[in-house]
C-alpha atoms as a PDB file:
ATOM      1  CA  MET A   1     -71.075   4.339 -41.137  1.00  0.00           C
ATOM      2  CA  LYS A   2     -71.915   1.170 -39.785  1.00  0.00           C
ATOM      3  CA  VAL A   3     -69.491  -0.911 -37.485  1.00  0.00           C
ATOM      4  CA  THR A   4     -69.032  -4.424 -38.683  1.00  0.00           C
ATOM      5  CA  SER A   5     -68.836  -7.211 -36.272  1.00  0.00           C
ATOM      6  CA  GLN A   6     -65.153  -7.843 -37.362  1.00  0.00           C
ATOM      7  CA  GLN A   7     -64.182  -4.229 -36.283  1.00  0.00           C
ATOM      8  CA  LYS A   8     -65.932  -4.825 -32.938  1.00  0.00           C
ATOM      9  CA  ILE A   9     -63.907  -8.123 -32.427  1.00  0.00           C
ATOM     10  CA  LYS A  10     -60.620  -6.204 -33.321  1.00  0.00           C
ATOM     11  CA  LEU A  11     -61.381  -3.397 -31.033  1.00  0.00           C
ATOM     12  CA  GLY A  12     -62.234  -5.830 -28.265  1.00  0.00           C
ATOM     13  CA  ILE A  13     -59.148  -7.528 -28.673  1.00  0.00           C
ATOM     14  CA  PHE A  14     -57.060  -4.277 -28.674  1.00  0.00           C
ATOM     15  CA  THR A  15     -58.729  -3.251 -25.464  1.00  0.00           C
ATOM     16  CA  ILE A  16     -58.034  -6.479 -23.751  1.00  0.00           C
ATOM     17  CA  VAL A  17     -54.256  -6.178 -24.517  1.00  0.00           C
ATOM     18  CA  ALA A  18     -54.028  -2.676 -23.669  1.00  0.00           C
ATOM     19  CA  LEU A  19     -55.570  -3.588 -20.308  1.00  0.00           C
ATOM     20  CA  LEU A  20     -53.193  -6.557 -19.804  1.00  0.00           C
ATOM     21  CA  VAL A  21     -50.184  -4.348 -20.596  1.00  0.00           C
ATOM     22  CA  LEU A  22     -51.180  -1.824 -18.184  1.00  0.00           C
ATOM     23  CA  PHE A  23     -51.769  -4.463 -15.399  1.00  0.00           C
ATOM     24  CA  VAL A  24     -48.349  -5.783 -15.968  1.00  0.00           C
ATOM     25  CA  GLY A  25     -46.839  -2.388 -15.900  1.00  0.00           C
ATOM     26  CA  ILE A  26     -48.436  -1.412 -12.878  1.00  0.00           C
ATOM     27  CA  PHE A  27     -47.287  -4.895 -11.294  1.00  0.00           C
ATOM     28  CA  VAL A  28     -43.805  -4.561 -12.608  1.00  0.00           C
ATOM     29  CA  ILE A  29     -43.618  -0.760 -11.351  1.00  0.00           C
ATOM     30  CA  GLY A  30     -45.296  -1.757  -8.155  1.00  0.00           C
ATOM     31  CA  SER A  31     -42.629  -4.572  -7.409  1.00  0.00           C
ATOM     32  CA  ARG A  32     -39.717  -2.405  -7.996  1.00  0.00           C
ATOM     33  CA  LYS A  33     -41.307   0.243  -5.652  1.00  0.00           C
ATOM     34  CA  ASN A  34     -42.347  -2.363  -3.243  1.00  0.00           C
ATOM     35  CA  MET A  35     -45.912  -1.179  -3.537  1.00  0.00           C
ATOM     36  CA  PHE A  36     -47.211  -4.652  -2.944  1.00  0.00           C
ATOM     37  CA  LYS A  37     -45.098  -5.718   0.148  1.00  0.00           C
ATOM     38  CA  SER A  38     -44.911  -4.757   3.688  1.00  0.00           C
ATOM     39  CA  THR A  39     -42.185  -1.957   4.183  1.00  0.00           C
ATOM     40  CA  PHE A  40     -40.561   0.303   6.555  1.00  0.00           C
ATOM     41  CA  THR A  41     -38.489   3.385   6.325  1.00  0.00           C
ATOM     42  CA  VAL A  42     -34.964   4.384   7.517  1.00  0.00           C
ATOM     43  CA  TYR A  43     -33.009   7.255   6.296  1.00  0.00           C
ATOM     44  CA  GLY A  44     -29.291   8.487   6.199  1.00  0.00           C
ATOM     45  CA  THR A  45     -27.458  11.682   5.534  1.00  0.00           C
ATOM     46  CA  PHE A  46     -24.557  12.002   2.918  1.00  0.00           C
ATOM     47  CA  LYS A  47     -22.266  14.884   2.079  1.00  0.00           C
ATOM     48  CA  ASN A  48     -22.382  13.892  -1.593  1.00  0.00           C
ATOM     49  CA  VAL A  49     -25.291  11.464  -3.318  1.00  0.00           C
ATOM     50  CA  GLY A  50     -22.908  10.991  -6.000  1.00  0.00           C
ATOM     51  CA  GLY A  51     -25.627  10.899  -8.701  1.00  0.00           C
ATOM     52  CA  LEU A  52     -28.015   8.892  -6.901  1.00  0.00           C
ATOM     53  CA  GLN A  53     -31.709   9.115  -7.827  1.00  0.00           C
ATOM     54  CA  VAL A  54     -35.135   8.630  -6.237  1.00  0.00           C
ATOM     55  CA  GLY A  55     -36.157   4.855  -7.416  1.00  0.00           C
ATOM     56  CA  ASN A  56     -32.750   3.354  -7.426  1.00  0.00           C
ATOM     57  CA  ASN A  57     -32.229   0.062  -5.614  1.00  0.00           C
ATOM     58  CA  VAL A  58     -31.067  -0.656  -2.288  1.00  0.00           C
ATOM     59  CA  ARG A  59     -29.129  -3.869  -1.561  1.00  0.00           C
ATOM     60  CA  PHE A  60     -28.107  -5.785   1.347  1.00  0.00           C
ATOM     61  CA  VAL A  61     -25.914  -8.796   1.251  1.00  0.00           C
ATOM     62  CA  GLY A  62     -26.090  -8.489  -2.882  1.00  0.00           C
ATOM     63  CA  ILE A  63     -29.773  -8.845  -2.645  1.00  0.00           C
ATOM     64  CA  ASN A  64     -32.352  -5.802  -3.728  1.00  0.00           C
ATOM     65  CA  VAL A  65     -34.386  -5.205  -0.455  1.00  0.00           C
ATOM     66  CA  GLY A  66     -35.772  -1.784  -1.258  1.00  0.00           C
ATOM     67  CA  THR A  67     -35.476   1.452  -3.203  1.00  0.00           C
ATOM     68  CA  VAL A  68     -34.692   5.097  -2.742  1.00  0.00           C
ATOM     69  CA  ASP A  69     -37.869   6.811  -1.794  1.00  0.00           C
ATOM     70  CA  ALA A  70     -36.721  10.567  -1.566  1.00  0.00           C
ATOM     71  CA  ILE A  71     -33.617  12.710  -1.821  1.00  0.00           C
ATOM     72  CA  GLU A  72     -33.733  16.167   0.133  1.00  0.00           C
ATOM     73  CA  ILE A  73     -31.165  18.742   0.655  1.00  0.00           C
ATOM     74  CA  ILE A  74     -31.034  19.905   4.359  1.00  0.00           C
ATOM     75  CA  SER A  75     -27.968  22.145   4.295  1.00  0.00           C
ATOM     76  CA  ASP A  76     -25.496  23.442   1.953  1.00  0.00           C
ATOM     77  CA  SER A  77     -23.244  20.369   2.436  1.00  0.00           C
ATOM     78  CA  LEU A  78     -25.822  17.667   3.538  1.00  0.00           C
ATOM     79  CA  ALA A  79     -28.401  15.497   1.745  1.00  0.00           C
ATOM     80  CA  ARG A  80     -31.109  13.199   3.334  1.00  0.00           C
ATOM     81  CA  VAL A  81     -31.879  10.023   1.644  1.00  0.00           C
ATOM     82  CA  ASP A  82     -34.931   8.156   2.689  1.00  0.00           C
ATOM     83  CA  MET A  83     -34.839   4.380   2.053  1.00  0.00           C
ATOM     84  CA  LEU A  84     -38.153   2.102   1.501  1.00  0.00           C
ATOM     85  CA  LEU A  85     -37.001  -1.290   2.630  1.00  0.00           C
ATOM     86  CA  GLN A  86     -39.183  -4.708   2.896  1.00  0.00           C
ATOM     87  CA  SER A  87     -40.085  -5.674   6.240  1.00  0.00           C
ATOM     88  CA  LYS A  88     -38.736  -9.263   6.093  1.00  0.00           C
ATOM     89  CA  VAL A  89     -35.003  -7.878   6.127  1.00  0.00           C
ATOM     90  CA  LYS A  90     -35.903  -5.591   9.425  1.00  0.00           C
ATOM     91  CA  LYS A  91     -34.801  -8.492  11.668  1.00  0.00           C
ATOM     92  CA  PHE A  92     -31.418  -8.470   9.954  1.00  0.00           C
ATOM     93  CA  LEU A  93     -30.676  -4.909  10.144  1.00  0.00           C
ATOM     94  CA  LYS A  94     -29.197  -3.662  13.255  1.00  0.00           C
ATOM     95  CA  LYS A  95     -28.211  -0.210  14.339  1.00  0.00           C
ATOM     96  CA  ASN A  96     -24.372  -0.864  13.638  1.00  0.00           C
ATOM     97  CA  ALA A  97     -25.293  -1.308   9.902  1.00  0.00           C
ATOM     98  CA  VAL A  98     -23.709   1.014   7.539  1.00  0.00           C
ATOM     99  CA  ALA A  99     -25.142   2.531   4.313  1.00  0.00           C
ATOM    100  CA  SER A 100     -22.944   3.565   1.450  1.00  0.00           C
ATOM    101  CA  ILE A 101     -23.295   4.751  -2.305  1.00  0.00           C
ATOM    102  CA  GLY A 102     -22.191   2.283  -4.870  1.00  0.00           C
ATOM    103  CA  SER A 103     -22.994   1.384  -8.475  1.00  0.00           C
ATOM    104  CA  ASP A 104     -24.571  -1.445 -10.188  1.00  0.00           C
ATOM    105  CA  GLY A 105     -21.452  -2.563 -12.377  1.00  0.00           C
ATOM    106  CA  LEU A 106     -18.914  -0.290 -13.585  1.00  0.00           C
ATOM    107  CA  MET A 107     -21.120   1.806 -15.628  1.00  0.00           C
ATOM    108  CA  GLY A 108     -24.425   1.047 -14.211  1.00  0.00           C
ATOM    109  CA  ASP A 109     -26.841   2.936 -12.165  1.00  0.00           C
ATOM    110  CA  LYS A 110     -26.221   4.134  -8.492  1.00  0.00           C
ATOM    111  CA  LEU A 111     -27.601   2.342  -5.612  1.00  0.00           C
ATOM    112  CA  ILE A 112     -27.514   2.120  -1.881  1.00  0.00           C
ATOM    113  CA  VAL A 113     -25.325  -0.664  -0.508  1.00  0.00           C
ATOM    114  CA  ILE A 114     -26.237  -1.662   3.241  1.00  0.00           C
ATOM    115  CA  SER A 115     -23.373  -3.843   5.030  1.00  0.00           C
ATOM    116  CA  SER A 116     -23.196  -4.933   8.745  1.00  0.00           C
ATOM    117  CA  ILE A 117     -20.050  -4.851  10.786  1.00  0.00           C
ATOM    118  CA  ASN A 118     -18.215  -8.303  10.633  1.00  0.00           C
ATOM    119  CA  ASP A 119     -18.074  -8.531  14.419  1.00  0.00           C
ATOM    120  CA  SER A 120     -20.250 -11.230  16.127  1.00  0.00           C
ATOM    121  CA  THR A 121     -20.432  -9.742  19.673  1.00  0.00           C
ATOM    122  CA  MET A 122     -21.400  -6.235  18.406  1.00  0.00           C
ATOM    123  CA  THR A 123     -23.917  -7.582  15.909  1.00  0.00           C
ATOM    124  CA  ALA A 124     -25.541  -9.748  18.761  1.00  0.00           C
ATOM    125  CA  SER A 125     -25.676  -6.938  21.175  1.00  0.00           C
ATOM    126  CA  ALA A 126     -26.766  -4.248  18.716  1.00  0.00           C
ATOM    127  CA  THR A 127     -30.661  -3.689  18.448  1.00  0.00           C
ATOM    128  CA  ALA A 128     -32.721  -3.726  15.102  1.00  0.00           C
ATOM    129  CA  LEU A 129     -33.334  -0.621  13.127  1.00  0.00           C
ATOM    130  CA  LYS A 130     -37.152   0.434  13.517  1.00  0.00           C
ATOM    131  CA  ASP A 131     -39.218   2.228  11.147  1.00  0.00           C
ATOM    132  CA  GLY A 132     -37.905   5.790  10.787  1.00  0.00           C
ATOM    133  CA  ASP A 133     -34.591   5.176  12.262  1.00  0.00           C
ATOM    134  CA  GLN A 134     -31.375   6.860  11.062  1.00  0.00           C
ATOM    135  CA  ILE A 135     -28.705   4.534   9.628  1.00  0.00           C
ATOM    136  CA  LYS A 136     -25.051   5.168   9.590  1.00  0.00           C
ATOM    137  CA  THR A 137     -23.603   6.217   6.258  1.00  0.00           C
ATOM    138  CA  ILE A 138     -20.171   6.333   4.454  1.00  0.00           C
ATOM    139  CA  ASN A 139     -19.673   9.221   2.048  1.00  0.00           C
ATOM    140  CA  PRO A 140     -18.807   8.098  -1.540  1.00  0.00           C
ATOM    141  CA  ILE A 141     -15.469   8.899  -3.120  1.00  0.00           C
ATOM    142  CA  ASP A 142     -15.253  12.292  -4.724  1.00  0.00           C
ATOM    143  CA  TYR A 143     -13.921  11.015  -8.138  1.00  0.00           C
ATOM    144  CA  ASP A 144     -13.316  14.676  -9.310  1.00  0.00           C
ATOM    145  CA  LYS A 145     -10.729  15.139  -6.643  1.00  0.00           C
ATOM    146  CA  VAL A 146      -9.083  11.937  -7.384  1.00  0.00           C
ATOM    147  CA  LEU A 147      -9.093  12.716 -11.153  1.00  0.00           C
ATOM    148  CA  GLY A 148      -7.409  16.197 -10.057  1.00  0.00           C
ATOM    149  CA  LYS A 149      -4.815  14.499  -8.087  1.00  0.00           C
ATOM    150  CA  ALA A 150      -4.097  11.828 -10.821  1.00  0.00           C
ATOM    151  CA  THR A 151      -3.794  14.811 -13.469  1.00  0.00           C
ATOM    152  CA  ARG A 152      -1.254  16.513 -11.284  1.00  0.00           C
ATOM    153  CA  ILE A 153       0.790  13.258 -10.741  1.00  0.00           C
ATOM    154  CA  ILE A 154       0.740  12.718 -14.367  1.00  0.00           C
ATOM    155  CA  ASP A 155       1.882  16.283 -15.101  1.00  0.00           C
ATOM    156  CA  ASN A 156       4.835  15.992 -12.758  1.00  0.00           C
ATOM    157  CA  ALA A 157       5.777  12.759 -14.151  1.00  0.00           C
ATOM    158  CA  GLU A 158       5.836  14.197 -17.785  1.00  0.00           C
ATOM    159  CA  ALA A 159       7.884  17.001 -16.376  1.00  0.00           C
ATOM    160  CA  LEU A 160      10.402  14.537 -14.784  1.00  0.00           C
ATOM    161  CA  THR A 161      10.537  12.393 -17.938  1.00  0.00           C
ATOM    162  CA  ASN A 162      11.183  15.658 -19.935  1.00  0.00           C
ATOM    163  CA  ASN A 163      14.025  16.714 -17.628  1.00  0.00           C
ATOM    164  CA  LEU A 164      15.720  13.102 -17.650  1.00  0.00           C
ATOM    165  CA  SER A 165      15.607  13.259 -21.609  1.00  0.00           C
ATOM    166  CA  ASP A 166      17.295  16.532 -21.613  1.00  0.00           C
ATOM    167  CA  ILE A 167      19.984  15.282 -19.307  1.00  0.00           C
ATOM    168  CA  VAL A 168      20.675  12.101 -21.185  1.00  0.00           C
ATOM    169  CA  ALA A 169      20.584  14.025 -24.461  1.00  0.00           C
ATOM    170  CA  LYS A 170      23.349  16.715 -22.836  1.00  0.00           C
ATOM    171  CA  VAL A 171      25.267  13.520 -21.639  1.00  0.00           C
ATOM    172  CA  ASN A 172      25.112  11.905 -25.062  1.00  0.00           C
ATOM    173  CA  SER A 173      26.333  15.238 -26.668  1.00  0.00           C
ATOM    174  CA  GLY A 174      29.278  15.650 -24.287  1.00  0.00           C
ATOM    175  CA  HIS A 175      27.940  18.478 -22.255  1.00  0.00           C
ATOM    176  CA  GLY A 176      28.986  18.672 -18.422  1.00  0.00           C
ATOM    177  CA  SER A 177      31.522  16.764 -16.573  1.00  0.00           C
ATOM    178  CA  ILE A 178      29.738  13.299 -17.036  1.00  0.00           C
ATOM    179  CA  GLY A 179      29.373  13.849 -20.826  1.00  0.00           C
ATOM    180  CA  ARG A 180      32.925  14.649 -21.096  1.00  0.00           C
ATOM    181  CA  LEU A 181      34.044  11.751 -19.094  1.00  0.00           C
ATOM    182  CA  LEU A 182      31.939   9.444 -21.231  1.00  0.00           C
ATOM    183  CA  ASN A 183      32.610  10.890 -24.353  1.00  0.00           C
ATOM    184  CA  SER A 184      35.984  12.314 -24.349  1.00  0.00           C
ATOM    185  CA  ASP A 185      38.921   9.776 -25.431  1.00  0.00           C
ATOM    186  CA  SER A 186      41.942  11.852 -24.101  1.00  0.00           C
ATOM    187  CA  LEU A 187      40.290  12.015 -20.632  1.00  0.00           C
ATOM    188  CA  ALA A 188      39.714   8.330 -20.677  1.00  0.00           C
ATOM    189  CA  ARG A 189      43.482   7.900 -21.800  1.00  0.00           C
ATOM    190  CA  ASN A 190      44.646  10.182 -18.915  1.00  0.00           C
ATOM    191  CA  LEU A 191      42.506   8.382 -16.482  1.00  0.00           C
ATOM    192  CA  GLU A 192      44.064   5.076 -17.736  1.00  0.00           C
ATOM    193  CA  GLY A 193      47.528   6.524 -17.468  1.00  0.00           C
ATOM    194  CA  THR A 194      46.878   7.608 -13.857  1.00  0.00           C
ATOM    195  CA  ALA A 195      45.899   4.093 -12.841  1.00  0.00           C
ATOM    196  CA  ASN A 196      48.955   2.726 -14.422  1.00  0.00           C
ATOM    197  CA  SER A 197      51.257   5.152 -12.588  1.00  0.00           C
ATOM    198  CA  ALA A 198      49.301   4.315  -9.417  1.00  0.00           C
ATOM    199  CA  LYS A 199      50.052   0.620 -10.160  1.00  0.00           C
ATOM    200  CA  SER A 200      53.680   1.256 -10.716  1.00  0.00           C
ATOM    201  CA  ALA A 201      54.072   3.145  -7.496  1.00  0.00           C
ATOM    202  CA  LEU A 202      52.482   0.453  -5.499  1.00  0.00           C
ATOM    203  CA  ASN A 203      54.896  -2.033  -6.942  1.00  0.00           C
ATOM    204  CA  SER A 204      57.910   0.069  -6.170  1.00  0.00           C
ATOM    205  CA  VAL A 205      56.529   0.227  -2.436  1.00  0.00           C
ATOM    206  CA  LYS A 206      56.242  -3.332  -2.405  1.00  0.00           C
ATOM    207  CA  LYS A 207      59.782  -3.982  -3.766  1.00  0.00           C
ATOM    208  CA  GLY A 208      61.022  -1.349  -1.453  1.00  0.00           C
ATOM    209  CA  SER A 209      59.491  -3.046   1.642  1.00  0.00           C
ATOM    210  CA  GLU A 210      60.850  -6.561   0.491  1.00  0.00           C
ATOM    211  CA  GLY A 211      64.345  -4.966   0.137  1.00  0.00           C
ATOM    212  CA  PHE A 212      64.163  -3.368   3.787  1.00  0.00           C
ATOM    213  CA  SER A 213      63.334  -6.986   4.999  1.00  0.00           C
ATOM    214  CA  GLU A 214      66.098  -8.445   3.361  1.00  0.00           C
ATOM    215  CA  ASN A 215      68.477  -5.780   4.854  1.00  0.00           C
ATOM    216  CA  MET A 216      67.011  -6.484   8.286  1.00  0.00           C
ATOM    217  CA  GLN A 217      67.887 -10.188   7.975  1.00  0.00           C
ATOM    218  CA  ALA A 218      71.399  -9.403   6.784  1.00  0.00           C
ATOM    219  CA  LEU A 219      71.929  -7.265  10.004  1.00  0.00           C
ATOM    220  CA  HIS A 220      71.301 -10.110  11.973  1.00  0.00           C
ATOM    221  CA  GLY A 221      74.287 -11.799  10.526  1.00  0.00           C
ATOM    222  CA  ASN A 222      76.444  -8.908  10.734  1.00  0.00           C
ATOM    223  CA  PHE A 223      79.065  -9.094  13.403  1.00  0.00           C
ATOM    224  CA  LEU A 224      78.667  -5.517  14.377  1.00  0.00           C
ATOM    225  CA  PHE A 225      74.940  -6.025  15.382  1.00  0.00           C
ATOM    226  CA  ARG A 226      75.152  -9.687  16.224  1.00  0.00           C
ATOM    227  CA  LYS A 227      75.673  -8.623  19.935  1.00  0.00           C
ATOM    228  CA  TYR A 228      72.776  -6.225  20.192  1.00  0.00           C
ATOM    229  CA  TYR A 229      70.367  -8.775  18.537  1.00  0.00           C
ATOM    230  CA  ARG A 230      71.670 -11.759  20.890  1.00  0.00           C
ATOM    231  CA  LYS A 231      71.050  -9.367  23.900  1.00  0.00           C
ATOM    232  CA  LYS A 232      67.533  -8.770  22.766  1.00  0.00           C
ATOM    233  CA  GLU A 233      66.773 -12.412  22.041  1.00  0.00           C
ATOM    234  CA  LYS A 234      68.041 -12.966  25.768  1.00  0.00           C
ATOM    235  CA  GLU A 235      65.739 -10.312  27.119  1.00  0.00           C
ATOM    236  CA  GLN A 236      62.666 -11.682  25.212  1.00  0.00           C
ATOM    237  CA  GLU A 237      63.504 -15.337  26.683  1.00  0.00           C
ATOM    238  CA  LYS A 238      63.716 -13.959  30.144  1.00  0.00           C
ATOM    239  CA  GLU A 239      60.434 -12.184  29.744  1.00  0.00           C
ATOM    240  CA  GLN A 240      58.694 -15.287  28.306  1.00  0.00           C
ATOM    241  CA  LYS A 241      60.049 -17.417  31.215  1.00  0.00           C
ATOM    242  CA  LYS A 242      58.707 -14.817  33.705  1.00  0.00           C
ATOM    243  CA  LYS A 243      55.185 -15.056  32.165  1.00  0.00           C
ATOM    244  CA  GLU A 244      55.195 -18.570  32.336  1.00  0.00           C
ATOM    245  CA  ARG A 245      56.359 -18.676  36.059  1.00  0.00           C
ATOM    246  CA  ASP A 246      53.609 -16.176  36.925  1.00  0.00           C
ATOM    247  CA  ALA A 247      51.016 -18.230  35.043  1.00  0.00           C
ATOM    248  CA  LYS A 248      52.139 -21.431  36.936  1.00  0.00           C
ATOM    249  CA  LYS A 249      52.040 -19.690  40.350  1.00  0.00           C
ATOM    250  CA  LYS A 250      48.564 -18.557  39.508  1.00  0.00           C
ATOM    251  CA  HIS A 251      47.344 -21.884  38.347  1.00  0.00           C
ATOM    252  CA  GLU A 252      48.903 -23.500  41.583  1.00  0.00           C
ATOM    253  CA  GLY A 253      46.995 -20.890  43.759  1.00  0.00           C
ATOM    254  CA  ASN A 254      43.583 -21.588  42.111  1.00  0.00           C
ATOM    255  CA  ASP A 255      44.222 -25.237  42.674  1.00  0.00           C
ATOM    256  CA  ALA A 256      44.937 -24.734  46.438  1.00  0.00           C
ATOM    257  CA  ASP A 257      41.815 -22.573  46.823  1.00  0.00           C
ATOM    258  CA  SER A 258      39.628 -25.308  45.110  1.00  0.00           C
ATOM    259  CA  THR A 259      41.068 -28.160  47.430  1.00  0.00           C
ATOM    260  CA  LYS A 260      40.477 -25.930  50.543  1.00  0.00           C
ATOM    261  CA  ALA A 261      37.031 -25.394  49.311  1.00  0.00           C
ATOM    262  CA  ALA A 262      36.388 -29.068  48.682  1.00  0.00           C
ATOM    263  CA  LYS A 263      37.623 -29.908  52.355  1.00  0.00           C
ATOM    264  CA  ASN A 264      35.301 -27.366  53.864  1.00  0.00           C
END
C-alpha cells in the first residue's frame, strides 16, 4: 500500500504533538518534583503520618517549597519522612523550625507544613538547617481517638436526655413526691391552709406583744408600782450623771496632758 503525502503530513503532525505533550508533561512533573531546581534534603520522624504520600507538597509560610521524597518505617511506632526542599529557602529554615502534617483544604491531600518559632531572639541565634539535617516534628491529631471520645460523649448525652425525659414523664403523671406536689389539688389546699394558719398565729403573737406593751404602760401609772418605777428612774439618772462626770474628768485630764506637752 502506497503512503500518500497527506498521510505523511498527518503522521508528522501527530508525532510533533505527541513530543510536545511529552515535553510539557516532563516539565510539569519535573517542576513539581523540583527536578530542575537546586535542592537539599531534610528529614523528620512521626508516630503517625496520617495518610501522607510520596510526592505531596511541603509548604513554608504558605508557599510550596518542596515535596515529600520518601516515607520509610523505622520502627513499630515511628516513620521517617524525607523532604526535598528548594535551596532558595535554606537560609530561612533554622534548626528551631517545626514540621507538622496538615491538609490542603478541608478534604485535600495531606502535606508537610514547616513553621518557625515566633521568637526573634531564638530565631536570630539559631543556625540554618543543612543538607541531611533532622527537623523537629509535631505528630498529627489521631482523629480515630477524637471520634471515639466524641461518640462516647454523644452516647452519655443521649442516656442523660432519656433519663431526664423519664423523670419529667413521671412528674407529669404524678409519680413521686414532686409529682404529687405538682399534681395533687388536695395537697396544694393543705399547704395553703397551713400557710394561713401560720399567718394567723403570727398575727396573734403580734397582738399579744402589743397588749403586753400596753399593760406595762398601765403599770407605770398604777399607784402600787409608781414608787418602784420612780426609784428605777432615779437610779438610771444617777448612773447617767456618774458617766457624764467620769467623761468630763477624762477630757480634762487629756487637756492637761496636752498643755504640759506643749510647754515642754
